[in-house]
């Protein structure tokens, strides 16, 4: 199983979970079966690329997304791709993986989407604070 966690800076197990899902620097992918870590640079549309983050991560065969919070559009895309999303992760990437394994995270649904992301462009600026 391939778990993906948005990472604030360099990525990896000791990096902090990034709370602005689409705008993080990297995505850390942990292959639970092989016990391997892969760091994917965020080259999505949020960072000047041509693909949405969910499309980028689908190419890397992600099974589970673990994050602090996420917008409804991303939730819908991940659901279409068959990727489960768990929210409320915090701390390091390694800690977020443990939170998932210990059933301490909630499965995301559209109604639980980060409200700052839900109505993008309708009075919600990109400079909002996150308190996930």
Protein backbone atom coordinates (compact mmCIF):
# COMPACT_ATOMS: atom_id res chain seq x y z
CA UNK A 1 0.00 0.00 0.00
CA UNK A 2 1.33 3.45 -0.95
CA UNK A 3 0.61 6.23 1.55
CA UNK A 4 1.09 9.86 0.54
CA UNK A 5 1.61 12.77 2.94
CA UNK A 6 2.02 16.41 1.82
CA UNK A 7 5.34 17.68 3.17
CA UNK A 8 6.33 21.24 4.09
CA UNK A 9 9.88 21.46 2.83
CA UNK A 10 12.32 18.73 1.76
CA UNK A 11 9.98 15.76 2.25
CA UNK A 12 10.79 12.52 4.02
CA UNK A 13 9.68 10.87 7.25
CA UNK A 14 11.08 13.60 9.53
CA UNK A 15 9.53 16.51 7.59
CA UNK A 16 6.41 18.21 8.94
CA UNK A 17 2.98 17.49 7.45
CA UNK A 18 2.10 20.34 5.08
CA UNK A 19 -1.30 21.84 5.83
CA UNK A 20 -1.94 23.52 2.49
CA UNK A 21 -2.34 20.28 0.53
CA UNK A 22 -1.99 21.61 -3.02
CA UNK A 23 0.74 24.14 -2.33
CA UNK A 24 3.29 22.07 -0.41
CA UNK A 25 6.83 21.72 -1.75
CA UNK A 26 6.80 17.92 -1.86
CA UNK A 27 4.73 14.82 -1.31
CA UNK A 28 6.27 12.01 0.71
CA UNK A 29 5.13 8.57 -0.42
CA UNK A 30 5.67 5.67 1.94
CA UNK A 31 5.35 2.20 0.45
CA UNK A 32 4.15 0.15 3.41
CA UNK A 33 4.78 -3.18 1.66
CA UNK A 34 8.39 -2.41 0.71
CA UNK A 35 9.14 -0.07 3.66
CA UNK A 36 10.47 2.50 1.15
CA UNK A 37 10.17 6.29 1.01
CA UNK A 38 9.84 8.26 -2.22
CA UNK A 39 9.74 12.06 -2.38
CA UNK A 40 7.77 13.62 -5.22
CA UNK A 41 8.28 17.29 -6.04
CA UNK A 42 4.97 19.15 -6.28
CA UNK A 43 4.81 20.09 -9.95
CA UNK A 44 1.04 20.55 -9.93
CA UNK A 45 -0.92 23.52 -11.24
CA UNK A 46 -0.56 25.15 -7.82
CA UNK A 47 3.20 25.27 -8.41
CA UNK A 48 3.22 26.20 -12.12
CA UNK A 49 2.65 22.72 -13.58
CA UNK A 50 -0.12 21.41 -15.78
CA UNK A 51 -1.75 18.73 -13.60
CA UNK A 52 -3.89 18.93 -10.49
CA UNK A 53 -2.25 17.46 -7.36
CA UNK A 54 -4.59 14.43 -7.42
CA UNK A 55 -3.65 13.74 -11.05
CA UNK A 56 0.06 14.02 -10.25
CA UNK A 57 -0.24 11.61 -7.33
CA UNK A 58 -2.35 9.16 -9.32
CA UNK A 59 0.62 8.75 -11.66
CA UNK A 60 2.62 7.62 -8.63
CA UNK A 61 0.02 4.98 -7.75
CA UNK A 62 -0.99 6.43 -4.37
CA UNK A 63 -3.55 4.32 -2.46
CA UNK A 64 -4.05 6.49 0.64
CA UNK A 65 -3.73 10.27 1.11
CA UNK A 66 -3.00 11.41 4.67
CA UNK A 67 -3.20 15.15 5.31
CA UNK A 68 -4.23 17.88 7.72
CA UNK A 69 -7.10 19.13 5.60
CA UNK A 70 -8.13 19.16 1.96
CA UNK A 71 -10.60 20.89 -0.34
CA UNK A 72 -13.71 19.35 -1.83
CA UNK A 73 -12.45 19.38 -5.42
CA UNK A 74 -9.39 17.34 -4.46
CA UNK A 75 -11.58 14.96 -2.43
CA UNK A 76 -13.82 14.40 -5.44
CA UNK A 77 -10.86 13.72 -7.75
CA UNK A 78 -9.19 11.33 -5.32
CA UNK A 79 -12.51 9.50 -4.88
CA UNK A 80 -12.77 9.16 -8.67
CA UNK A 81 -9.26 7.69 -8.72
CA UNK A 82 -10.07 5.24 -5.91
CA UNK A 83 -7.78 6.91 -3.36
CA UNK A 84 -8.93 7.06 0.26
CA UNK A 85 -8.27 10.31 2.13
CA UNK A 86 -7.67 10.69 5.85
CA UNK A 87 -7.56 14.09 7.55
CA UNK A 88 -6.45 15.64 10.85
CA UNK A 89 -2.85 14.42 10.52
CA UNK A 90 -0.27 16.52 12.33
CA UNK A 91 3.36 16.49 13.34
CA UNK A 92 5.97 14.73 11.22
CA UNK A 93 5.24 12.52 8.24
CA UNK A 94 6.31 9.52 10.33
CA UNK A 95 3.87 10.53 13.09
CA UNK A 96 1.07 10.98 10.53
CA UNK A 97 1.67 7.44 9.24
CA UNK A 98 1.45 6.13 12.81
CA UNK A 99 -1.76 8.14 13.37
CA UNK A 100 -3.23 6.44 10.29
CA UNK A 101 -2.12 2.96 11.38
CA UNK A 102 -3.57 3.55 14.86
CA UNK A 103 -6.97 4.67 13.46
CA UNK A 104 -6.55 8.19 14.84
CA UNK A 105 -7.53 9.98 11.61
CA UNK A 106 -10.93 10.63 10.02
CA UNK A 107 -11.82 9.55 6.52
CA UNK A 108 -12.49 12.67 4.46
CA UNK A 109 -15.75 13.34 2.69
CA UNK A 110 -16.84 16.35 0.68
CA UNK A 111 -18.86 17.72 3.61
CA UNK A 112 -15.72 17.70 5.80
CA UNK A 113 -13.60 19.56 3.23
CA UNK A 114 -11.52 22.47 4.39
CA UNK A 115 -14.02 25.32 4.20
CA UNK A 116 -11.33 27.77 3.09
CA UNK A 117 -10.86 25.63 -0.02
CA UNK A 118 -14.47 24.67 -0.64
CA UNK A 119 -15.55 27.85 -2.41
CA UNK A 120 -12.30 28.89 -4.02
CA UNK A 121 -12.53 32.31 -5.55
CA UNK A 122 -15.67 33.35 -3.67
CA UNK A 123 -14.27 35.70 -1.09
CA UNK A 124 -11.76 33.21 0.29
CA UNK A 125 -8.25 34.49 -0.35
CA UNK A 126 -5.19 32.32 -0.61
CA UNK A 127 -3.70 33.98 2.49
CA UNK A 128 -6.11 32.36 4.94
CA UNK A 129 -4.80 30.68 8.06
CA UNK A 130 -5.26 27.00 8.72
CA UNK A 131 -6.15 25.59 12.10
CA UNK A 132 -6.68 21.93 11.25
